[in-house]
Amino acid sequence: MASGVLALGVAAVALAGHVWYVPALLELRAGAADRPRSCRSAAAACLVAWTTVALTAVVLPAGGPGWLVLGAAGAAGAVALRVRAVVQGRREVREAAGEWAELHQVKKA
């Protein structure tokens, strides 16, 4: 398959991904005060992943192994951010459970 056709397909997939990356961008632009850290990290992971797809569509017609390196680096960054979001989410759930437990203790006393 010609690299131009493959690049066109990857670009079409990147454009179709707007249903994920536009809400993620809005999540990050909303500000830190009213969003949990885990949601912001997950949104950043989404943006890194879709940016990697879009950049791959640009680099792909040039040929060579550059698109593989770009894809691997982008995937590693997205996975790292997503793992961070999961860890932060679990921490937030534990903190919320502790706060609710304190409230129930005060209520019974």
PDB file of N, CA and C in Angstrom:
ATOM      1  N   MET A   1       0.845  -1.164   0.000  1.00  0.00           N
ATOM      2  CA  MET A   1       0.000   0.000   0.000  1.00  0.00           C
ATOM      3  C   MET A   1       0.899   1.239   0.000  1.00  0.00           C
ATOM      4  N   ALA A   2       0.553   2.209  -0.792  1.00  0.00           N
ATOM      5  CA  ALA A   2       1.339   3.438  -0.883  1.00  0.00           C
ATOM      6  C   ALA A   2       1.247   4.201   0.442  1.00  0.00           C
ATOM      7  N   SER A   3       2.360   4.831   0.816  1.00  0.00           N
ATOM      8  CA  SER A   3       2.379   5.544   2.100  1.00  0.00           C
ATOM      9  C   SER A   3       1.411   6.726   2.102  1.00  0.00           C
ATOM     10  N   GLY A   4       1.149   7.304   0.931  1.00  0.00           N
ATOM     11  CA  GLY A   4       0.193   8.412   0.865  1.00  0.00           C
ATOM     12  C   GLY A   4      -1.220   7.965   1.196  1.00  0.00           C
ATOM     13  N   VAL A   5      -1.594   6.794   0.708  1.00  0.00           N
ATOM     14  CA  VAL A   5      -2.930   6.268   0.997  1.00  0.00           C
ATOM     15  C   VAL A   5      -3.044   5.916   2.477  1.00  0.00           C
ATOM     16  N   LEU A   6      -2.005   5.319   3.005  1.00  0.00           N
ATOM     17  CA  LEU A   6      -1.997   4.985   4.426  1.00  0.00           C
ATOM     18  C   LEU A   6      -2.067   6.249   5.284  1.00  0.00           C
ATOM     19  N   ALA A   7      -1.332   7.279   4.884  1.00  0.00           N
ATOM     20  CA  ALA A   7      -1.365   8.550   5.618  1.00  0.00           C
ATOM     21  C   ALA A   7      -2.752   9.180   5.555  1.00  0.00           C
ATOM     22  N   LEU A   8      -3.404   9.072   4.423  1.00  0.00           N
ATOM     23  CA  LEU A   8      -4.760   9.611   4.284  1.00  0.00           C
ATOM     24  C   LEU A   8      -5.720   8.867   5.211  1.00  0.00           C
ATOM     25  N   GLY A   9      -5.565   7.552   5.308  1.00  0.00           N
ATOM     26  CA  GLY A   9      -6.398   6.776   6.221  1.00  0.00           C
ATOM     27  C   GLY A   9      -6.164   7.137   7.672  1.00  0.00           C
ATOM     28  N   VAL A  10      -4.900   7.315   8.039  1.00  0.00           N
ATOM     29  CA  VAL A  10      -4.580   7.694   9.421  1.00  0.00           C
ATOM     30  C   VAL A  10      -5.121   9.095   9.723  1.00  0.00           C
ATOM     31  N   ALA A  11      -5.041   9.995   8.749  1.00  0.00           N
ATOM     32  CA  ALA A  11      -5.588  11.346   8.937  1.00  0.00           C
ATOM     33  C   ALA A  11      -7.102  11.298   9.112  1.00  0.00           C
ATOM     34  N   ALA A  12      -7.776  10.432   8.362  1.00  0.00           N
ATOM     35  CA  ALA A  12      -9.225  10.298   8.509  1.00  0.00           C
ATOM     36  C   ALA A  12      -9.585   9.774   9.893  1.00  0.00           C
ATOM     37  N   VAL A  13      -8.812   8.822  10.386  1.00  0.00           N
ATOM     38  CA  VAL A  13      -9.048   8.295  11.735  1.00  0.00           C
ATOM     39  C   VAL A  13      -8.801   9.398  12.772  1.00  0.00           C
ATOM     40  N   ALA A  14      -7.756  10.199  12.563  1.00  0.00           N
ATOM     41  CA  ALA A  14      -7.459  11.287  13.502  1.00  0.00           C
ATOM     42  C   ALA A  14      -8.591  12.317  13.526  1.00  0.00           C
ATOM     43  N   LEU A  15      -9.139  12.620  12.361  1.00  0.00           N
ATOM     44  CA  LEU A  15     -10.257  13.561  12.320  1.00  0.00           C
ATOM     45  C   LEU A  15     -11.506  12.971  12.968  1.00  0.00           C
ATOM     46  N   ALA A  16     -11.726  11.686  12.785  1.00  0.00           N
ATOM     47  CA  ALA A  16     -12.890  11.037  13.387  1.00  0.00           C
ATOM     48  C   ALA A  16     -12.765  10.950  14.901  1.00  0.00           C
ATOM     49  N   GLY A  17     -11.557  11.040  15.423  1.00  0.00           N
ATOM     50  CA  GLY A  17     -11.342  10.958  16.867  1.00  0.00           C
ATOM     51  C   GLY A  17     -11.757  12.199  17.624  1.00  0.00           C
ATOM     52  N   HIS A  18     -12.324  13.180  16.924  1.00  0.00           N
ATOM     53  CA  HIS A  18     -12.711  14.415  17.605  1.00  0.00           C
ATOM     54  C   HIS A  18     -13.733  14.170  18.715  1.00  0.00           C
ATOM     55  N   VAL A  19     -14.469  13.074  18.632  1.00  0.00           N
ATOM     56  CA  VAL A  19     -15.440  12.791  19.685  1.00  0.00           C
ATOM     57  C   VAL A  19     -14.753  12.484  21.006  1.00  0.00           C
ATOM     58  N   TRP A  20     -13.457  12.188  20.976  1.00  0.00           N
ATOM     59  CA  TRP A  20     -12.699  11.949  22.205  1.00  0.00           C
ATOM     60  C   TRP A  20     -11.799  13.124  22.553  1.00  0.00           C
ATOM     61  N   TYR A  21     -11.093  13.686  21.554  1.00  0.00           N
ATOM     62  CA  TYR A  21     -10.104  14.686  21.930  1.00  0.00           C
ATOM     63  C   TYR A  21     -10.683  16.072  22.160  1.00  0.00           C
ATOM     64  N   VAL A  22     -11.835  16.403  21.594  1.00  0.00           N
ATOM     65  CA  VAL A  22     -12.431  17.715  21.878  1.00  0.00           C
ATOM     66  C   VAL A  22     -12.933  17.781  23.326  1.00  0.00           C
ATOM     67  N   PRO A  23     -13.677  16.782  23.817  1.00  0.00           N
ATOM     68  CA  PRO A  23     -14.051  16.835  25.243  1.00  0.00           C
ATOM     69  C   PRO A  23     -12.841  16.799  26.183  1.00  0.00           C
ATOM     70  N   ALA A  24     -11.790  16.068  25.792  1.00  0.00           N
ATOM     71  CA  ALA A  24     -10.589  16.032  26.629  1.00  0.00           C
ATOM     72  C   ALA A  24      -9.934  17.408  26.687  1.00  0.00           C
ATOM     73  N   LEU A  25      -9.904  18.094  25.556  1.00  0.00           N
ATOM     74  CA  LEU A  25      -9.347  19.447  25.532  1.00  0.00           C
ATOM     75  C   LEU A  25     -10.177  20.391  26.392  1.00  0.00           C
ATOM     76  N   LEU A  26     -11.485  20.270  26.313  1.00  0.00           N
ATOM     77  CA  LEU A  26     -12.349  21.110  27.148  1.00  0.00           C
ATOM     78  C   LEU A  26     -12.163  20.802  28.629  1.00  0.00           C
ATOM     79  N   GLU A  27     -11.932  19.551  28.942  1.00  0.00           N
ATOM     80  CA  GLU A  27     -11.675  19.150  30.336  1.00  0.00           C
ATOM     81  C   GLU A  27     -10.418  19.839  30.870  1.00  0.00           C
ATOM     82  N   LEU A  28      -9.374  19.884  30.061  1.00  0.00           N
ATOM     83  CA  LEU A  28      -8.128  20.521  30.501  1.00  0.00           C
ATOM     84  C   LEU A  28      -8.253  22.037  30.561  1.00  0.00           C
ATOM     85  N   ARG A  29      -9.009  22.597  29.657  1.00  0.00           N
ATOM     86  CA  ARG A  29      -9.167  24.053  29.649  1.00  0.00           C
ATOM     87  C   ARG A  29     -10.088  24.559  30.754  1.00  0.00           C
ATOM     88  N   ALA A  30     -10.863  23.663  31.356  1.00  0.00           N
ATOM     89  CA  ALA A  30     -11.826  24.068  32.379  1.00  0.00           C
ATOM     90  C   ALA A  30     -11.145  24.603  33.635  1.00  0.00           C
ATOM     91  N   GLY A  31      -9.938  24.166  33.889  1.00  0.00           N
ATOM     92  CA  GLY A  31      -9.231  24.641  35.067  1.00  0.00           C
ATOM     93  C   GLY A  31      -9.124  23.568  36.121  1.00  0.00           C
ATOM     94  N   ALA A  32      -8.184  23.749  37.011  1.00  0.00           N
ATOM     95  CA  ALA A  32      -7.879  22.731  38.012  1.00  0.00           C
ATOM     96  C   ALA A  32      -8.797  22.792  39.222  1.00  0.00           C
ATOM     97  N   ALA A  33      -9.443  23.914  39.446  1.00  0.00           N
ATOM     98  CA  ALA A  33     -10.194  24.080  40.688  1.00  0.00           C
ATOM     99  C   ALA A  33     -11.418  23.174  40.777  1.00  0.00           C
ATOM    100  N   ASP A  34     -12.074  22.918  39.663  1.00  0.00           N
ATOM    101  CA  ASP A  34     -13.325  22.170  39.731  1.00  0.00           C
ATOM    102  C   ASP A  34     -13.260  20.783  39.092  1.00  0.00           C
ATOM    103  N   ARG A  35     -12.067  20.290  38.820  1.00  0.00           N
ATOM    104  CA  ARG A  35     -11.911  18.971  38.216  1.00  0.00           C
ATOM    105  C   ARG A  35     -10.952  18.125  39.059  1.00  0.00           C
ATOM    106  N   PRO A  36     -11.263  16.858  39.257  1.00  0.00           N
ATOM    107  CA  PRO A  36     -10.319  15.982  39.969  1.00  0.00           C
ATOM    108  C   PRO A  36      -9.044  15.793  39.144  1.00  0.00           C
ATOM    109  N   ARG A  37      -7.946  15.560  39.829  1.00  0.00           N
ATOM    110  CA  ARG A  37      -6.673  15.363  39.131  1.00  0.00           C
ATOM    111  C   ARG A  37      -6.712  14.153  38.214  1.00  0.00           C
ATOM    112  N   SER A  38      -7.415  13.119  38.614  1.00  0.00           N
ATOM    113  CA  SER A  38      -7.467  11.913  37.787  1.00  0.00           C
ATOM    114  C   SER A  38      -8.141  12.188  36.451  1.00  0.00           C
ATOM    115  N   CYS A  39      -9.176  13.011  36.456  1.00  0.00           N
ATOM    116  CA  CYS A  39      -9.855  13.351  35.194  1.00  0.00           C
ATOM    117  C   CYS A  39      -8.943  14.170  34.293  1.00  0.00           C
ATOM    118  N   ARG A  40      -8.182  15.061  34.880  1.00  0.00           N
ATOM    119  CA  ARG A  40      -7.272  15.874  34.079  1.00  0.00           C
ATOM    120  C   ARG A  40      -6.139  15.025  33.500  1.00  0.00           C
ATOM    121  N   SER A  41      -5.640  14.068  34.258  1.00  0.00           N
ATOM    122  CA  SER A  41      -4.591  13.188  33.751  1.00  0.00           C
ATOM    123  C   SER A  41      -5.125  12.290  32.638  1.00  0.00           C
ATOM    124  N   ALA A  42      -6.347  11.800  32.793  1.00  0.00           N
ATOM    125  CA  ALA A  42      -6.947  10.970  31.746  1.00  0.00           C
ATOM    126  C   ALA A  42      -7.175  11.787  30.481  1.00  0.00           C
ATOM    127  N   ALA A  43      -7.572  13.041  30.627  1.00  0.00           N
ATOM    128  CA  ALA A  43      -7.762  13.902  29.464  1.00  0.00           C
ATOM    129  C   ALA A  43      -6.430  14.182  28.773  1.00  0.00           C
ATOM    130  N   ALA A  44      -5.384  14.370  29.556  1.00  0.00           N
ATOM    131  CA  ALA A  44      -4.060  14.587  28.967  1.00  0.00           C
ATOM    132  C   ALA A  44      -3.591  13.349  28.209  1.00  0.00           C
ATOM    133  N   ALA A  45      -3.869  12.174  28.746  1.00  0.00           N
ATOM    134  CA  ALA A  45      -3.504  10.929  28.062  1.00  0.00           C
ATOM    135  C   ALA A  45      -4.236  10.819  26.735  1.00  0.00           C
ATOM    136  N   CYS A  46      -5.501  11.176  26.722  1.00  0.00           N
ATOM    137  CA  CYS A  46      -6.286  11.146  25.493  1.00  0.00           C
ATOM    138  C   CYS A  46      -5.710  12.099  24.453  1.00  0.00           C
ATOM    139  N   LEU A  47      -5.367  13.292  24.883  1.00  0.00           N
ATOM    140  CA  LEU A  47      -4.803  14.271  23.946  1.00  0.00           C
ATOM    141  C   LEU A  47      -3.453  13.833  23.406  1.00  0.00           C
ATOM    142  N   VAL A  48      -2.624  13.242  24.244  1.00  0.00           N
ATOM    143  CA  VAL A  48      -1.322  12.752  23.779  1.00  0.00           C
ATOM    144  C   VAL A  48      -1.518  11.652  22.743  1.00  0.00           C
ATOM    145  N   ALA A  49      -2.449  10.749  23.003  1.00  0.00           N
ATOM    146  CA  ALA A  49      -2.689   9.648  22.070  1.00  0.00           C
ATOM    147  C   ALA A  49      -3.186  10.155  20.717  1.00  0.00           C
ATOM    148  N   TRP A  50      -4.154  11.053  20.724  1.00  0.00           N
ATOM    149  CA  TRP A  50      -4.704  11.540  19.454  1.00  0.00           C
ATOM    150  C   TRP A  50      -3.751  12.487  18.743  1.00  0.00           C
ATOM    151  N   THR A  51      -2.939  13.215  19.474  1.00  0.00           N
ATOM    152  CA  THR A  51      -1.912  14.033  18.840  1.00  0.00           C
ATOM    153  C   THR A  51      -0.880  13.155  18.162  1.00  0.00           C
ATOM    154  N   THR A  52      -0.556  12.035  18.774  1.00  0.00           N
ATOM    155  CA  THR A  52       0.379  11.090  18.163  1.00  0.00           C
ATOM    156  C   THR A  52      -0.187  10.549  16.860  1.00  0.00           C
ATOM    157  N   VAL A  53      -1.467  10.224  16.847  1.00  0.00           N
ATOM    158  CA  VAL A  53      -2.097   9.735  15.617  1.00  0.00           C
ATOM    159  C   VAL A  53      -2.037  10.803  14.530  1.00  0.00           C
ATOM    160  N   ALA A  54      -2.357  12.041  14.886  1.00  0.00           N
ATOM    161  CA  ALA A  54      -2.338  13.118  13.898  1.00  0.00           C
ATOM    162  C   ALA A  54      -0.923  13.381  13.377  1.00  0.00           C
ATOM    163  N   LEU A  55       0.053  13.384  14.259  1.00  0.00           N
ATOM    164  CA  LEU A  55       1.432  13.609  13.818  1.00  0.00           C
ATOM    165  C   LEU A  55       1.953  12.453  12.973  1.00  0.00           C
ATOM    166  N   THR A  56       1.495  11.262  13.271  1.00  0.00           N
ATOM    167  CA  THR A  56       1.876  10.110  12.462  1.00  0.00           C
ATOM    168  C   THR A  56       1.359  10.268  11.038  1.00  0.00           C
ATOM    169  N   ALA A  57       0.164  10.806  10.889  1.00  0.00           N
ATOM    170  CA  ALA A  57      -0.385  11.043   9.551  1.00  0.00           C
ATOM    171  C   ALA A  57       0.460  12.054   8.774  1.00  0.00           C
ATOM    172  N   VAL A  58       1.083  12.982   9.478  1.00  0.00           N
ATOM    173  CA  VAL A  58       1.933  13.972   8.822  1.00  0.00           C
ATOM    174  C   VAL A  58       3.287  13.376   8.461  1.00  0.00           C
ATOM    175  N   VAL A  59       3.843  12.560   9.340  1.00  0.00           N
ATOM    176  CA  VAL A  59       5.182  12.002   9.142  1.00  0.00           C
ATOM    177  C   VAL A  59       5.179  10.799   8.193  1.00  0.00           C
ATOM    178  N   LEU A  60       4.082  10.098   8.122  1.00  0.00           N
ATOM    179  CA  LEU A  60       4.005   8.861   7.362  1.00  0.00           C
ATOM    180  C   LEU A  60       4.365   8.997   5.881  1.00  0.00           C
ATOM    181  N   PRO A  61       3.934  10.031   5.167  1.00  0.00           N
ATOM    182  CA  PRO A  61       4.288  10.116   3.742  1.00  0.00           C
ATOM    183  C   PRO A  61       5.784  10.286   3.479  1.00  0.00           C
ATOM    184  N   ALA A  62       6.536  10.759   4.464  1.00  0.00           N
ATOM    185  CA  ALA A  62       7.971  10.947   4.282  1.00  0.00           C
ATOM    186  C   ALA A  62       8.698   9.612   4.183  1.00  0.00           C
ATOM    187  N   GLY A  63       8.075   8.566   4.669  1.00  0.00           N
ATOM    188  CA  GLY A  63       8.695   7.245   4.634  1.00  0.00           C
ATOM    189  C   GLY A  63       9.712   7.091   5.743  1.00  0.00           C
ATOM    190  N   GLY A  64      10.323   5.947   5.791  1.00  0.00           N
ATOM    191  CA  GLY A  64      11.320   5.695   6.819  1.00  0.00           C
ATOM    192  C   GLY A  64      10.694   5.255   8.118  1.00  0.00           C
ATOM    193  N   PRO A  65      11.540   4.946   9.100  1.00  0.00           N
ATOM    194  CA  PRO A  65      11.051   4.427  10.378  1.00  0.00           C
ATOM    195  C   PRO A  65      10.645   5.514  11.376  1.00  0.00           C
ATOM    196  N   GLY A  66      10.628   6.774  10.968  1.00  0.00           N
ATOM    197  CA  GLY A  66      10.306   7.852  11.896  1.00  0.00           C
ATOM    198  C   GLY A  66       8.928   7.742  12.493  1.00  0.00           C
ATOM    199  N   TRP A  67       7.978   7.251  11.713  1.00  0.00           N
ATOM    200  CA  TRP A  67       6.619   7.147  12.237  1.00  0.00           C
ATOM    201  C   TRP A  67       6.525   6.074  13.313  1.00  0.00           C
ATOM    202  N   LEU A  68       7.372   5.049  13.228  1.00  0.00           N
ATOM    203  CA  LEU A  68       7.376   4.019  14.276  1.00  0.00           C
ATOM    204  C   LEU A  68       7.894   4.579  15.599  1.00  0.00           C
ATOM    205  N   VAL A  69       8.951   5.365  15.515  1.00  0.00           N
ATOM    206  CA  VAL A  69       9.520   5.975  16.722  1.00  0.00           C
ATOM    207  C   VAL A  69       8.515   6.943  17.338  1.00  0.00           C
ATOM    208  N   LEU A  70       7.885   7.749  16.487  1.00  0.00           N
ATOM    209  CA  LEU A  70       6.877   8.699  16.962  1.00  0.00           C
ATOM    210  C   LEU A  70       5.716   7.965  17.621  1.00  0.00           C
ATOM    211  N   GLY A  71       5.251   6.918  16.980  1.00  0.00           N
ATOM    212  CA  GLY A  71       4.136   6.146  17.537  1.00  0.00           C
ATOM    213  C   GLY A  71       4.484   5.510  18.869  1.00  0.00           C
ATOM    214  N   ALA A  72       5.691   4.951  18.963  1.00  0.00           N
ATOM    215  CA  ALA A  72       6.110   4.312  20.209  1.00  0.00           C
ATOM    216  C   ALA A  72       6.240   5.338  21.334  1.00  0.00           C
ATOM    217  N   ALA A  73       6.828   6.490  21.022  1.00  0.00           N
ATOM    218  CA  ALA A  73       6.991   7.531  22.048  1.00  0.00           C
ATOM    219  C   ALA A  73       5.634   8.062  22.499  1.00  0.00           C
ATOM    220  N   GLY A  74       4.745   8.308  21.551  1.00  0.00           N
ATOM    221  CA  GLY A  74       3.410   8.797  21.896  1.00  0.00           C
ATOM    222  C   GLY A  74       2.616   7.790  22.704  1.00  0.00           C
ATOM    223  N   ALA A  75       2.701   6.524  22.307  1.00  0.00           N
ATOM    224  CA  ALA A  75       1.981   5.484  23.041  1.00  0.00           C
ATOM    225  C   ALA A  75       2.519   5.347  24.460  1.00  0.00           C
ATOM    226  N   ALA A  76       3.828   5.422  24.617  1.00  0.00           N
ATOM    227  CA  ALA A  76       4.422   5.333  25.955  1.00  0.00           C
ATOM    228  C   ALA A  76       3.970   6.498  26.831  1.00  0.00           C
ATOM    229  N   GLY A  77       3.946   7.693  26.262  1.00  0.00           N
ATOM    230  CA  GLY A  77       3.490   8.855  27.021  1.00  0.00           C
ATOM    231  C   GLY A  77       2.031   8.751  27.414  1.00  0.00           C
ATOM    232  N   ALA A  78       1.196   8.296  26.477  1.00  0.00           N
ATOM    233  CA  ALA A  78      -0.233   8.166  26.764  1.00  0.00           C
ATOM    234  C   ALA A  78      -0.485   7.101  27.832  1.00  0.00           C
ATOM    235  N   VAL A  79       0.219   5.989  27.736  1.00  0.00           N
ATOM    236  CA  VAL A  79       0.045   4.919  28.732  1.00  0.00           C
ATOM    237  C   VAL A  79       0.506   5.395  30.105  1.00  0.00           C
ATOM    238  N   ALA A  80       1.618   6.107  30.153  1.00  0.00           N
ATOM    239  CA  ALA A  80       2.112   6.609  31.436  1.00  0.00           C
ATOM    240  C   ALA A  80       1.104   7.568  32.075  1.00  0.00           C
ATOM    241  N   LEU A  81       0.530   8.450  31.283  1.00  0.00           N
ATOM    242  CA  LEU A  81      -0.463   9.381  31.814  1.00  0.00           C
ATOM    243  C   LEU A  81      -1.736   8.662  32.250  1.00  0.00           C
ATOM    244  N   ARG A  82      -2.122   7.643  31.510  1.00  0.00           N
ATOM    245  CA  ARG A  82      -3.338   6.899  31.864  1.00  0.00           C
ATOM    246  C   ARG A  82      -3.136   6.107  33.154  1.00  0.00           C
ATOM    247  N   VAL A  83      -1.965   5.514  33.322  1.00  0.00           N
ATOM    248  CA  VAL A  83      -1.664   4.794  34.563  1.00  0.00           C
ATOM    249  C   VAL A  83      -1.670   5.769  35.730  1.00  0.00           C
ATOM    250  N   ARG A  84      -1.104   6.944  35.511  1.00  0.00           N
ATOM    251  CA  ARG A  84      -1.116   7.980  36.549  1.00  0.00           C
ATOM    252  C   ARG A  84      -2.552   8.360  36.912  1.00  0.00           C
ATOM    253  N   ALA A  85      -3.426   8.465  35.912  1.00  0.00           N
ATOM    254  CA  ALA A  85      -4.825   8.808  36.171  1.00  0.00           C
ATOM    255  C   ALA A  85      -5.516   7.735  37.005  1.00  0.00           C
ATOM    256  N   VAL A  86      -5.218   6.476  36.716  1.00  0.00           N
ATOM    257  CA  VAL A  86      -5.823   5.385  37.488  1.00  0.00           C
ATOM    258  C   VAL A  86      -5.350   5.428  38.935  1.00  0.00           C
ATOM    259  N   VAL A  87      -4.061   5.646  39.140  1.00  0.00           N
ATOM    260  CA  VAL A  87      -3.519   5.717  40.505  1.00  0.00           C
ATOM    261  C   VAL A  87      -4.135   6.898  41.252  1.00  0.00           C
ATOM    262  N   GLN A  88      -4.224   8.041  40.587  1.00  0.00           N
ATOM    263  CA  GLN A  88      -4.829   9.208  41.228  1.00  0.00           C
ATOM    264  C   GLN A  88      -6.305   8.972  41.530  1.00  0.00           C
ATOM    265  N   GLY A  89      -7.005   8.314  40.622  1.00  0.00           N
ATOM    266  CA  GLY A  89      -8.421   8.027  40.847  1.00  0.00           C
ATOM    267  C   GLY A  89      -8.641   7.133  42.045  1.00  0.00           C
ATOM    268  N   ARG A  90      -7.799   6.118  42.189  1.00  0.00           N
ATOM    269  CA  ARG A  90      -7.914   5.240  43.357  1.00  0.00           C
ATOM    270  C   ARG A  90      -7.635   6.002  44.646  1.00  0.00           C
ATOM    271  N   ARG A  91      -6.649   6.893  44.599  1.00  0.00           N
ATOM    272  CA  ARG A  91      -6.336   7.698  45.782  1.00  0.00           C
ATOM    273  C   ARG A  91      -7.514   8.618  46.125  1.00  0.00           C
ATOM    274  N   GLU A  92      -8.128   9.205  45.114  1.00  0.00           N
ATOM    275  CA  GLU A  92      -9.279  10.089  45.346  1.00  0.00           C
ATOM    276  C   GLU A  92     -10.456   9.324  45.946  1.00  0.00           C
ATOM    277  N   VAL A  93     -10.667   8.106  45.495  1.00  0.00           N
ATOM    278  CA  VAL A  93     -11.753   7.286  46.038  1.00  0.00           C
ATOM    279  C   VAL A  93     -11.480   6.953  47.504  1.00  0.00           C
ATOM    280  N   ARG A  94     -10.235   6.603  47.834  1.00  0.00           N
ATOM    281  CA  ARG A  94      -9.891   6.306  49.232  1.00  0.00           C
ATOM    282  C   ARG A  94     -10.087   7.536  50.111  1.00  0.00           C
ATOM    283  N   GLU A  95      -9.660   8.699  49.616  1.00  0.00           N
ATOM    284  CA  GLU A  95      -9.817   9.928  50.400  1.00  0.00           C
ATOM    285  C   GLU A  95     -11.291  10.248  50.618  1.00  0.00           C
ATOM    286  N   ALA A  96     -12.097  10.088  49.585  1.00  0.00           N
ATOM    287  CA  ALA A  96     -13.534  10.364  49.716  1.00  0.00           C
ATOM    288  C   ALA A  96     -14.180   9.383  50.686  1.00  0.00           C
ATOM    289  N   ALA A  97     -13.772   8.110  50.632  1.00  0.00           N
ATOM    290  CA  ALA A  97     -14.327   7.120  51.561  1.00  0.00           C
ATOM    291  C   ALA A  97     -13.957   7.474  52.999  1.00  0.00           C
ATOM    292  N   GLY A  98     -12.727   7.927  53.203  1.00  0.00           N
ATOM    293  CA  GLY A  98     -12.314   8.342  54.538  1.00  0.00           C
ATOM    294  C   GLY A  98     -13.103   9.538  55.039  1.00  0.00           C
ATOM    295  N   GLU A  99     -13.346  10.497  54.151  1.00  0.00           N
ATOM    296  CA  GLU A  99     -14.129  11.670  54.547  1.00  0.00           C
ATOM    297  C   GLU A  99     -15.562  11.293  54.886  1.00  0.00           C
ATOM    298  N   TRP A 100     -16.149  10.395  54.115  1.00  0.00           N
ATOM    299  CA  TRP A 100     -17.511   9.952  54.417  1.00  0.00           C
ATOM    300  C   TRP A 100     -17.554   9.177  55.730  1.00  0.00           C
ATOM    301  N   ALA A 101     -16.521   8.384  55.986  1.00  0.00           N
ATOM    302  CA  ALA A 101     -16.474   7.642  57.244  1.00  0.00           C
ATOM    303  C   ALA A 101     -16.406   8.600  58.428  1.00  0.00           C
ATOM    304  N   GLU A 102     -15.636   9.665  58.289  1.00  0.00           N
ATOM    305  CA  GLU A 102     -15.559  10.676  59.357  1.00  0.00           C
ATOM    306  C   GLU A 102     -16.913  11.341  59.566  1.00  0.00           C
ATOM    307  N   LEU A 103     -17.600  11.636  58.485  1.00  0.00           N
ATOM    308  CA  LEU A 103     -18.911  12.258  58.608  1.00  0.00           C
ATOM    309  C   LEU A 103     -19.907  11.338  59.313  1.00  0.00           C
ATOM    310  N   HIS A 104     -19.855  10.057  59.009  1.00  0.00           N
ATOM    311  CA  HIS A 104     -20.754   9.110  59.666  1.00  0.00           C
ATOM    312  C   HIS A 104     -20.410   8.961  61.142  1.00  0.00           C
ATOM    313  N   GLN A 105     -19.129   9.055  61.504  1.00  0.00           N
ATOM    314  CA  GLN A 105     -18.732   8.977  62.911  1.00  0.00           C
ATOM    315  C   GLN A 105     -19.248  10.188  63.679  1.00  0.00           C
ATOM    316  N   VAL A 106     -19.158  11.356  63.080  1.00  0.00           N
ATOM    317  CA  VAL A 106     -19.640  12.571  63.730  1.00  0.00           C
ATOM    318  C   VAL A 106     -21.153  12.524  63.886  1.00  0.00           C
ATOM    319  N   LYS A 107     -21.832  11.988  62.888  1.00  0.00           N
ATOM    320  CA  LYS A 107     -23.277  11.928  62.910  1.00  0.00           C
ATOM    321  C   LYS A 107     -23.785  10.997  64.019  1.00  0.00           C
ATOM    322  N   LYS A 108     -23.076   9.892  64.268  1.00  0.00           N
ATOM    323  CA  LYS A 108     -23.494   8.934  65.300  1.00  0.00           C
ATOM    324  C   LYS A 108     -23.204   9.462  66.702  1.00  0.00           C
ATOM    325  N   ALA A 109     -22.237  10.307  66.858  1.00  0.00           N
ATOM    326  CA  ALA A 109     -21.838  10.790  68.175  1.00  0.00           C
ATOM    327  C   ALA A 109     -22.760  11.812  68.750  1.00  0.00           C
TER     328      ALA A 109
END
